[in-house]
Structures are given as structure tokens and as C-alpha cells.
Amino acid sequence: MAGAVSRGLTLVIAMTLGAVAFVGGRAGAEQPAIDSVLVEAGRHEYERYCSACHGVHGLGDGPVAGVLKHKPADLTIIKEHNGGQFPAGRVAMIIDGRSAVTVHGTREMPVWGERLNTEIPNPDTKEEVTRGRISLIVEYLESIQR
């Protein structure tokens, strides 16, 4: 498991660096945004951890949604519900869940900060890698706003 996480992280870093080198070497040509690499990496993380409840397209219609007490949020309208602004920091905190205080009972959504953190074998990088993976998901969510 540790090797798979390490290989996955290495792949994301290599893809990002490769995109930077590719973009830098194409002076004058139309250049893809580096963010597209982050969005693609975020899509992968989203599909792995979020789509079972929120659905492939983020509409709250994943295969598990029907058995949950509350319907999962439609993640494509976050910006719409926030005056046209995407609150990336707040979205990251909700996904992380470690600092969320629930006033009305327990949280149905997993505390992804804890779950992602336990997958990282190196204690020196656990927190940084966990925050990075959550940031990738946030990047992807911002890209799917209507």
C-alpha cells in the first residue's frame, strides 16, 4: 500500500513537472494551462474518494447516495450558492473535516483528512501530502462549476 501511494504521488509530481517543461519548451505555440494537469490529478482523486456518494459528475447521484440519510450535495453549484465565487478554502476544510464542529449530530461525510493521512507512510510528509491531495480535489471541483 505504501509503495502504491508513493508511486501515485511520484506520478502526479512527474506529470506536473513534465507539463511545466512541455509548456516552457513551446514558445509562441498555444500553451495548455498547468492547471489542467492539477484538474486531471484532482479528477482522479475525486473519482476514487468522492464519486461513490457525489456521482461521477458531482451531481449528488452516486451509487451510494440512495442509502444515505441525507442526499449528497450537488458539487457543481458551489459557486452559484456563494455569489459567483468559489470558496476554495472553505471547500478544502469541509473535505478535510478534521476541524469541523458538528452541532446537530454526527457528520455523514467521511473525515477525509484523517483517512487520507493514514495512507501516507512517511510521518514527515503526511500532513503536506494530505493537504496536497485535498487541494487537487478542490481544484477539480472548481473546474466543474456550472
N, C-alpha and C. Protein backbone atom coordinates (compact mmCIF):
# COMPACT_ATOMS: atom_id res chain seq x y z
N MET A 1 0.83 -1.19 0.00
CA MET A 1 0.00 0.00 0.00
C MET A 1 0.87 1.25 0.00
N ALA A 2 1.88 1.29 0.85
CA ALA A 2 2.76 2.46 0.95
C ALA A 2 3.45 2.72 -0.38
N GLY A 3 3.87 1.66 -1.04
CA GLY A 3 4.53 1.80 -2.32
C GLY A 3 3.59 2.38 -3.37
N ALA A 4 2.32 1.95 -3.33
CA ALA A 4 1.34 2.45 -4.30
C ALA A 4 1.09 3.94 -4.10
N VAL A 5 0.97 4.37 -2.85
CA VAL A 5 0.76 5.80 -2.57
C VAL A 5 1.96 6.59 -3.02
N SER A 6 3.15 6.10 -2.71
CA SER A 6 4.38 6.78 -3.09
C SER A 6 4.50 6.87 -4.61
N ARG A 7 4.18 5.77 -5.30
CA ARG A 7 4.24 5.77 -6.76
C ARG A 7 3.21 6.74 -7.34
N GLY A 8 2.01 6.78 -6.74
CA GLY A 8 0.97 7.68 -7.22
C GLY A 8 1.36 9.13 -7.05
N LEU A 9 1.94 9.45 -5.91
CA LEU A 9 2.39 10.82 -5.66
C LEU A 9 3.53 11.18 -6.61
N THR A 10 4.45 10.25 -6.81
CA THR A 10 5.55 10.48 -7.73
C THR A 10 5.02 10.72 -9.14
N LEU A 11 3.98 9.99 -9.54
CA LEU A 11 3.38 10.17 -10.85
C LEU A 11 2.77 11.56 -10.99
N VAL A 12 2.05 12.02 -9.98
CA VAL A 12 1.45 13.37 -10.03
C VAL A 12 2.54 14.43 -10.15
N ILE A 13 3.60 14.29 -9.37
CA ILE A 13 4.71 15.25 -9.43
C ILE A 13 5.38 15.21 -10.80
N ALA A 14 5.61 14.02 -11.32
CA ALA A 14 6.25 13.88 -12.63
C ALA A 14 5.38 14.47 -13.73
N MET A 15 4.06 14.25 -13.64
CA MET A 15 3.15 14.81 -14.65
C MET A 15 3.19 16.34 -14.60
N THR A 16 3.20 16.89 -13.41
CA THR A 16 3.23 18.34 -13.26
C THR A 16 4.52 18.91 -13.81
N LEU A 17 5.65 18.30 -13.44
CA LEU A 17 6.94 18.78 -13.94
C LEU A 17 7.06 18.60 -15.45
N GLY A 18 6.54 17.52 -15.95
CA GLY A 18 6.54 17.29 -17.39
C GLY A 18 5.72 18.33 -18.12
N ALA A 19 4.59 18.70 -17.56
CA ALA A 19 3.76 19.74 -18.18
C ALA A 19 4.46 21.08 -18.16
N VAL A 20 5.15 21.38 -17.05
CA VAL A 20 5.89 22.64 -16.96
C VAL A 20 6.97 22.68 -18.03
N ALA A 21 7.72 21.59 -18.19
CA ALA A 21 8.78 21.53 -19.20
C ALA A 21 8.19 21.64 -20.60
N PHE A 22 7.07 20.95 -20.82
CA PHE A 22 6.42 20.98 -22.13
C PHE A 22 5.96 22.39 -22.49
N VAL A 23 5.30 23.04 -21.55
CA VAL A 23 4.80 24.40 -21.78
C VAL A 23 5.96 25.35 -22.00
N GLY A 24 7.01 25.22 -21.20
CA GLY A 24 8.17 26.10 -21.33
C GLY A 24 8.88 25.93 -22.66
N GLY A 25 8.82 24.76 -23.25
CA GLY A 25 9.52 24.50 -24.50
C GLY A 25 8.74 24.82 -25.75
N ARG A 26 7.54 25.37 -25.61
CA ARG A 26 6.70 25.64 -26.78
C ARG A 26 6.46 27.13 -26.94
N ALA A 27 7.49 27.91 -26.88
CA ALA A 27 7.35 29.36 -27.00
C ALA A 27 6.64 29.71 -28.30
N GLY A 28 5.65 30.58 -28.19
CA GLY A 28 4.92 31.03 -29.37
C GLY A 28 3.75 30.14 -29.73
N ALA A 29 3.74 28.89 -29.30
CA ALA A 29 2.63 28.00 -29.58
C ALA A 29 1.56 28.20 -28.52
N GLU A 30 0.32 27.81 -28.84
CA GLU A 30 -0.73 27.89 -27.83
C GLU A 30 -0.39 26.89 -26.73
N GLN A 31 -0.39 27.38 -25.50
CA GLN A 31 0.08 26.55 -24.39
C GLN A 31 -1.07 26.13 -23.48
N PRO A 32 -1.13 24.85 -23.11
CA PRO A 32 -2.16 24.42 -22.18
C PRO A 32 -1.85 24.97 -20.80
N ALA A 33 -2.89 25.23 -20.04
CA ALA A 33 -2.70 25.73 -18.68
C ALA A 33 -2.18 24.61 -17.80
N ILE A 34 -1.24 24.95 -16.93
CA ILE A 34 -0.73 23.97 -15.97
C ILE A 34 -1.87 23.46 -15.09
N ASP A 35 -2.85 24.32 -14.84
CA ASP A 35 -3.97 23.93 -14.01
C ASP A 35 -4.68 22.69 -14.55
N SER A 36 -4.63 22.47 -15.87
CA SER A 36 -5.29 21.30 -16.43
C SER A 36 -4.67 20.01 -15.89
N VAL A 37 -3.39 20.03 -15.61
CA VAL A 37 -2.73 18.86 -15.01
C VAL A 37 -3.24 18.65 -13.60
N LEU A 38 -3.37 19.75 -12.86
CA LEU A 38 -3.88 19.65 -11.49
C LEU A 38 -5.34 19.19 -11.49
N VAL A 39 -6.12 19.70 -12.42
CA VAL A 39 -7.53 19.30 -12.52
C VAL A 39 -7.62 17.81 -12.82
N GLU A 40 -6.80 17.32 -13.73
CA GLU A 40 -6.83 15.89 -14.07
C GLU A 40 -6.42 15.03 -12.87
N ALA A 41 -5.40 15.45 -12.15
CA ALA A 41 -5.00 14.72 -10.94
C ALA A 41 -6.11 14.79 -9.90
N GLY A 42 -6.75 15.94 -9.79
CA GLY A 42 -7.87 16.09 -8.86
C GLY A 42 -9.06 15.24 -9.24
N ARG A 43 -9.30 15.13 -10.55
CA ARG A 43 -10.40 14.27 -11.03
C ARG A 43 -10.16 12.82 -10.59
N HIS A 44 -8.92 12.38 -10.70
CA HIS A 44 -8.58 11.02 -10.28
C HIS A 44 -8.86 10.83 -8.79
N GLU A 45 -8.42 11.78 -7.98
CA GLU A 45 -8.67 11.70 -6.53
C GLU A 45 -10.17 11.74 -6.24
N TYR A 46 -10.88 12.64 -6.93
CA TYR A 46 -12.33 12.76 -6.75
C TYR A 46 -13.02 11.44 -7.08
N GLU A 47 -12.69 10.86 -8.22
CA GLU A 47 -13.33 9.61 -8.62
C GLU A 47 -13.07 8.51 -7.60
N ARG A 48 -11.88 8.49 -7.05
CA ARG A 48 -11.51 7.46 -6.09
C ARG A 48 -12.23 7.62 -4.75
N TYR A 49 -12.34 8.85 -4.28
CA TYR A 49 -12.84 9.07 -2.92
C TYR A 49 -14.23 9.69 -2.83
N CYS A 50 -14.71 10.37 -3.83
CA CYS A 50 -15.93 11.17 -3.70
C CYS A 50 -17.09 10.71 -4.57
N SER A 51 -16.80 10.08 -5.69
CA SER A 51 -17.85 9.80 -6.67
C SER A 51 -18.86 8.76 -6.20
N ALA A 52 -18.52 7.90 -5.27
CA ALA A 52 -19.50 6.91 -4.80
C ALA A 52 -20.73 7.59 -4.23
N CYS A 53 -20.53 8.72 -3.56
CA CYS A 53 -21.66 9.46 -3.00
C CYS A 53 -22.11 10.60 -3.90
N HIS A 54 -21.16 11.40 -4.37
CA HIS A 54 -21.49 12.61 -5.12
C HIS A 54 -21.69 12.37 -6.62
N GLY A 55 -21.37 11.19 -7.11
CA GLY A 55 -21.57 10.86 -8.51
C GLY A 55 -20.39 11.26 -9.38
N VAL A 56 -20.28 10.64 -10.52
CA VAL A 56 -19.18 10.87 -11.45
C VAL A 56 -19.10 12.35 -11.85
N HIS A 57 -20.25 12.99 -12.01
CA HIS A 57 -20.28 14.38 -12.46
C HIS A 57 -20.52 15.37 -11.33
N GLY A 58 -20.52 14.88 -10.08
CA GLY A 58 -20.67 15.76 -8.92
C GLY A 58 -22.08 16.22 -8.63
N LEU A 59 -23.07 15.54 -9.16
CA LEU A 59 -24.46 15.97 -9.02
C LEU A 59 -25.15 15.43 -7.77
N GLY A 60 -24.44 14.66 -6.95
CA GLY A 60 -25.04 14.10 -5.74
C GLY A 60 -25.79 12.82 -6.00
N ASP A 61 -25.49 12.16 -7.11
CA ASP A 61 -26.24 10.99 -7.54
C ASP A 61 -25.39 9.73 -7.67
N GLY A 62 -24.40 9.59 -6.80
CA GLY A 62 -23.54 8.42 -6.84
C GLY A 62 -24.28 7.15 -6.46
N PRO A 63 -23.70 6.00 -6.70
CA PRO A 63 -24.36 4.73 -6.42
C PRO A 63 -24.69 4.51 -4.95
N VAL A 64 -24.02 5.18 -4.04
CA VAL A 64 -24.27 5.02 -2.61
C VAL A 64 -25.30 6.04 -2.11
N ALA A 65 -25.57 7.07 -2.89
CA ALA A 65 -26.43 8.19 -2.46
C ALA A 65 -27.78 7.73 -1.93
N GLY A 66 -28.37 6.73 -2.54
CA GLY A 66 -29.69 6.27 -2.15
C GLY A 66 -29.79 5.67 -0.76
N VAL A 67 -28.69 5.21 -0.21
CA VAL A 67 -28.73 4.60 1.12
C VAL A 67 -28.30 5.55 2.23
N LEU A 68 -27.95 6.76 1.87
CA LEU A 68 -27.53 7.74 2.88
C LEU A 68 -28.74 8.43 3.50
N LYS A 69 -28.57 8.88 4.72
CA LYS A 69 -29.63 9.58 5.44
C LYS A 69 -29.98 10.89 4.73
N HIS A 70 -28.96 11.62 4.26
CA HIS A 70 -29.15 12.88 3.55
C HIS A 70 -28.56 12.75 2.15
N LYS A 71 -29.24 13.34 1.18
CA LYS A 71 -28.73 13.32 -0.20
C LYS A 71 -27.41 14.09 -0.25
N PRO A 72 -26.38 13.52 -0.87
CA PRO A 72 -25.12 14.24 -1.02
C PRO A 72 -25.31 15.53 -1.82
N ALA A 73 -24.48 16.50 -1.53
CA ALA A 73 -24.58 17.80 -2.19
C ALA A 73 -24.27 17.70 -3.67
N ASP A 74 -24.92 18.57 -4.44
CA ASP A 74 -24.58 18.77 -5.85
C ASP A 74 -23.36 19.68 -5.85
N LEU A 75 -22.22 19.14 -6.19
CA LEU A 75 -20.96 19.87 -6.10
C LEU A 75 -20.71 20.78 -7.30
N THR A 76 -21.62 20.78 -8.27
CA THR A 76 -21.45 21.64 -9.44
C THR A 76 -22.04 23.03 -9.23
N ILE A 77 -22.69 23.26 -8.09
CA ILE A 77 -23.34 24.55 -7.85
C ILE A 77 -22.78 25.27 -6.62
N ILE A 78 -21.61 24.89 -6.20
CA ILE A 78 -20.98 25.54 -5.04
C ILE A 78 -20.79 27.03 -5.33
N LYS A 79 -20.27 27.34 -6.48
CA LYS A 79 -20.02 28.73 -6.87
C LYS A 79 -21.33 29.52 -6.92
N GLU A 80 -22.35 28.92 -7.49
CA GLU A 80 -23.67 29.55 -7.59
C GLU A 80 -24.23 29.90 -6.21
N HIS A 81 -24.00 29.03 -5.25
CA HIS A 81 -24.51 29.24 -3.88
C HIS A 81 -23.64 30.19 -3.07
N ASN A 82 -22.58 30.68 -3.66
CA ASN A 82 -21.65 31.57 -2.97
C ASN A 82 -21.42 32.86 -3.75
N GLY A 83 -22.48 33.38 -4.33
CA GLY A 83 -22.42 34.65 -5.02
C GLY A 83 -21.47 34.70 -6.20
N GLY A 84 -21.30 33.59 -6.88
CA GLY A 84 -20.44 33.55 -8.06
C GLY A 84 -18.96 33.34 -7.74
N GLN A 85 -18.65 33.18 -6.47
CA GLN A 85 -17.26 32.95 -6.05
C GLN A 85 -17.11 31.51 -5.57
N PHE A 86 -16.01 30.89 -5.90
CA PHE A 86 -15.74 29.53 -5.43
C PHE A 86 -14.90 29.61 -4.15
N PRO A 87 -15.47 29.23 -3.00
CA PRO A 87 -14.76 29.34 -1.72
C PRO A 87 -13.79 28.18 -1.49
N ALA A 88 -12.68 28.18 -2.18
CA ALA A 88 -11.74 27.05 -2.17
C ALA A 88 -11.31 26.67 -0.75
N GLY A 89 -10.98 27.66 0.07
CA GLY A 89 -10.53 27.36 1.43
C GLY A 89 -11.60 26.66 2.25
N ARG A 90 -12.83 27.13 2.14
CA ARG A 90 -13.93 26.52 2.90
C ARG A 90 -14.22 25.12 2.38
N VAL A 91 -14.16 24.95 1.06
CA VAL A 91 -14.40 23.62 0.47
C VAL A 91 -13.33 22.64 0.97
N ALA A 92 -12.07 23.08 1.00
CA ALA A 92 -10.98 22.23 1.49
C ALA A 92 -11.22 21.84 2.94
N MET A 93 -11.68 22.78 3.76
CA MET A 93 -11.94 22.48 5.17
C MET A 93 -13.08 21.48 5.33
N ILE A 94 -14.09 21.59 4.49
CA ILE A 94 -15.22 20.64 4.55
C ILE A 94 -14.75 19.25 4.17
N ILE A 95 -13.96 19.15 3.10
CA ILE A 95 -13.44 17.84 2.69
C ILE A 95 -12.56 17.27 3.79
N ASP A 96 -11.63 18.08 4.29
CA ASP A 96 -10.71 17.63 5.33
C ASP A 96 -11.49 17.13 6.54
N GLY A 97 -12.40 17.96 7.05
CA GLY A 97 -13.29 17.55 8.13
C GLY A 97 -12.69 17.45 9.51
N ARG A 98 -11.39 17.57 9.64
CA ARG A 98 -10.77 17.40 10.96
C ARG A 98 -11.06 18.56 11.89
N SER A 99 -11.33 19.74 11.35
CA SER A 99 -11.60 20.88 12.22
C SER A 99 -13.08 21.24 12.25
N ALA A 100 -13.92 20.45 11.60
CA ALA A 100 -15.35 20.74 11.56
C ALA A 100 -16.00 20.40 12.91
N VAL A 101 -16.83 21.31 13.36
CA VAL A 101 -17.58 21.08 14.58
C VAL A 101 -19.02 20.83 14.16
N THR A 102 -19.53 19.65 14.50
CA THR A 102 -20.91 19.34 14.13
C THR A 102 -21.82 19.67 15.29
N VAL A 103 -22.76 20.56 15.03
CA VAL A 103 -23.68 21.00 16.08
C VAL A 103 -24.86 20.05 16.18
N HIS A 104 -25.32 19.56 15.06
CA HIS A 104 -26.54 18.75 15.04
C HIS A 104 -26.22 17.29 14.72
N GLY A 105 -25.55 16.61 15.60
CA GLY A 105 -25.29 15.20 15.40
C GLY A 105 -23.99 14.94 14.67
N THR A 106 -23.87 13.71 14.18
CA THR A 106 -22.62 13.30 13.56
C THR A 106 -22.59 13.69 12.09
N ARG A 107 -21.40 13.71 11.57
CA ARG A 107 -21.16 14.06 10.17
C ARG A 107 -21.30 12.79 9.34
N GLU A 108 -22.11 12.85 8.30
CA GLU A 108 -22.30 11.67 7.46
C GLU A 108 -21.13 11.49 6.49
N MET A 109 -20.56 12.60 6.02
CA MET A 109 -19.43 12.54 5.09
C MET A 109 -18.17 12.11 5.86
N PRO A 110 -17.39 11.22 5.29
CA PRO A 110 -16.15 10.81 5.97
C PRO A 110 -15.22 12.00 6.23
N VAL A 111 -14.41 11.88 7.26
CA VAL A 111 -13.40 12.89 7.57
C VAL A 111 -12.18 12.51 6.73
N TRP A 112 -12.14 13.07 5.52
CA TRP A 112 -11.12 12.68 4.56
C TRP A 112 -9.72 13.06 4.99
N GLY A 113 -9.58 14.12 5.75
CA GLY A 113 -8.25 14.49 6.25
C GLY A 113 -7.62 13.35 7.03
N GLU A 114 -8.41 12.72 7.89
CA GLU A 114 -7.91 11.57 8.66
C GLU A 114 -7.65 10.36 7.77
N ARG A 115 -8.60 10.06 6.91
CA ARG A 115 -8.46 8.87 6.05
C ARG A 115 -7.28 8.99 5.11
N LEU A 116 -7.13 10.14 4.46
CA LEU A 116 -6.01 10.32 3.54
C LEU A 116 -4.69 10.33 4.28
N ASN A 117 -4.69 10.88 5.48
CA ASN A 117 -3.48 10.97 6.28
C ASN A 117 -2.97 9.58 6.67
N THR A 118 -3.86 8.66 6.94
CA THR A 118 -3.43 7.32 7.36
C THR A 118 -2.81 6.54 6.21
N GLU A 119 -3.05 6.96 4.97
CA GLU A 119 -2.49 6.26 3.81
C GLU A 119 -1.03 6.65 3.54
N ILE A 120 -0.54 7.68 4.18
CA ILE A 120 0.81 8.18 3.92
C ILE A 120 1.76 7.56 4.95
N PRO A 121 2.71 6.75 4.52
CA PRO A 121 3.57 6.05 5.46
C PRO A 121 4.64 6.94 6.12
N ASN A 122 5.10 7.97 5.44
CA ASN A 122 6.18 8.80 5.98
C ASN A 122 5.61 9.88 6.90
N PRO A 123 5.89 9.79 8.21
CA PRO A 123 5.32 10.77 9.14
C PRO A 123 5.79 12.20 8.89
N ASP A 124 6.93 12.36 8.24
CA ASP A 124 7.45 13.71 7.96
C ASP A 124 6.67 14.42 6.87
N THR A 125 5.98 13.67 6.02
CA THR A 125 5.28 14.31 4.89
C THR A 125 3.77 14.09 4.93
N LYS A 126 3.27 13.37 5.93
CA LYS A 126 1.84 13.03 6.00
C LYS A 126 0.94 14.24 5.80
N GLU A 127 1.15 15.27 6.59
CA GLU A 127 0.24 16.42 6.56
C GLU A 127 0.33 17.16 5.22
N GLU A 128 1.53 17.34 4.72
CA GLU A 128 1.72 18.06 3.46
C GLU A 128 1.07 17.30 2.30
N VAL A 129 1.27 16.01 2.24
CA VAL A 129 0.70 15.20 1.17
C VAL A 129 -0.83 15.17 1.28
N THR A 130 -1.35 15.05 2.49
CA THR A 130 -2.79 15.04 2.70
C THR A 130 -3.40 16.35 2.22
N ARG A 131 -2.82 17.47 2.62
CA ARG A 131 -3.32 18.78 2.17
C ARG A 131 -3.22 18.91 0.65
N GLY A 132 -2.15 18.37 0.07
CA GLY A 132 -1.99 18.42 -1.38
C GLY A 132 -3.07 17.64 -2.11
N ARG A 133 -3.40 16.47 -1.60
CA ARG A 133 -4.43 15.65 -2.24
C ARG A 133 -5.80 16.32 -2.13
N ILE A 134 -6.08 16.93 -0.99
CA ILE A 134 -7.34 17.67 -0.82
C ILE A 134 -7.35 18.86 -1.77
N SER A 135 -6.23 19.54 -1.92
CA SER A 135 -6.15 20.69 -2.84
C SER A 135 -6.42 20.27 -4.28
N LEU A 136 -5.96 19.09 -4.66
CA LEU A 136 -6.24 18.59 -6.00
C LEU A 136 -7.74 18.38 -6.20
N ILE A 137 -8.40 17.83 -5.20
CA ILE A 137 -9.85 17.63 -5.29
C ILE A 137 -10.56 18.97 -5.41
N VAL A 138 -10.12 19.96 -4.61
CA VAL A 138 -10.71 21.29 -4.68
C VAL A 138 -10.52 21.89 -6.06
N GLU A 139 -9.34 21.73 -6.63
CA GLU A 139 -9.05 22.23 -7.99
C GLU A 139 -10.02 21.62 -8.99
N TYR A 140 -10.24 20.33 -8.86
CA TYR A 140 -11.17 19.65 -9.76
C TYR A 140 -12.61 20.17 -9.56
N LEU A 141 -13.02 20.30 -8.30
CA LEU A 141 -14.38 20.78 -8.02
C LEU A 141 -14.61 22.18 -8.60
N GLU A 142 -13.60 23.02 -8.51
CA GLU A 142 -13.74 24.35 -9.09
C GLU A 142 -13.93 24.26 -10.61
N SER A 143 -13.30 23.28 -11.22
CA SER A 143 -13.38 23.15 -12.69
C SER A 143 -14.74 22.65 -13.16
N ILE A 144 -15.54 22.04 -12.29
CA ILE A 144 -16.84 21.50 -12.72
C ILE A 144 -18.02 22.40 -12.35
N GLN A 145 -17.73 23.62 -11.91
CA GLN A 145 -18.82 24.53 -11.56
C GLN A 145 -19.61 24.94 -12.79
N ARG A 146 -20.92 25.04 -12.64
CA ARG A 146 -21.80 25.47 -13.75
C ARG A 146 -21.73 26.97 -13.90
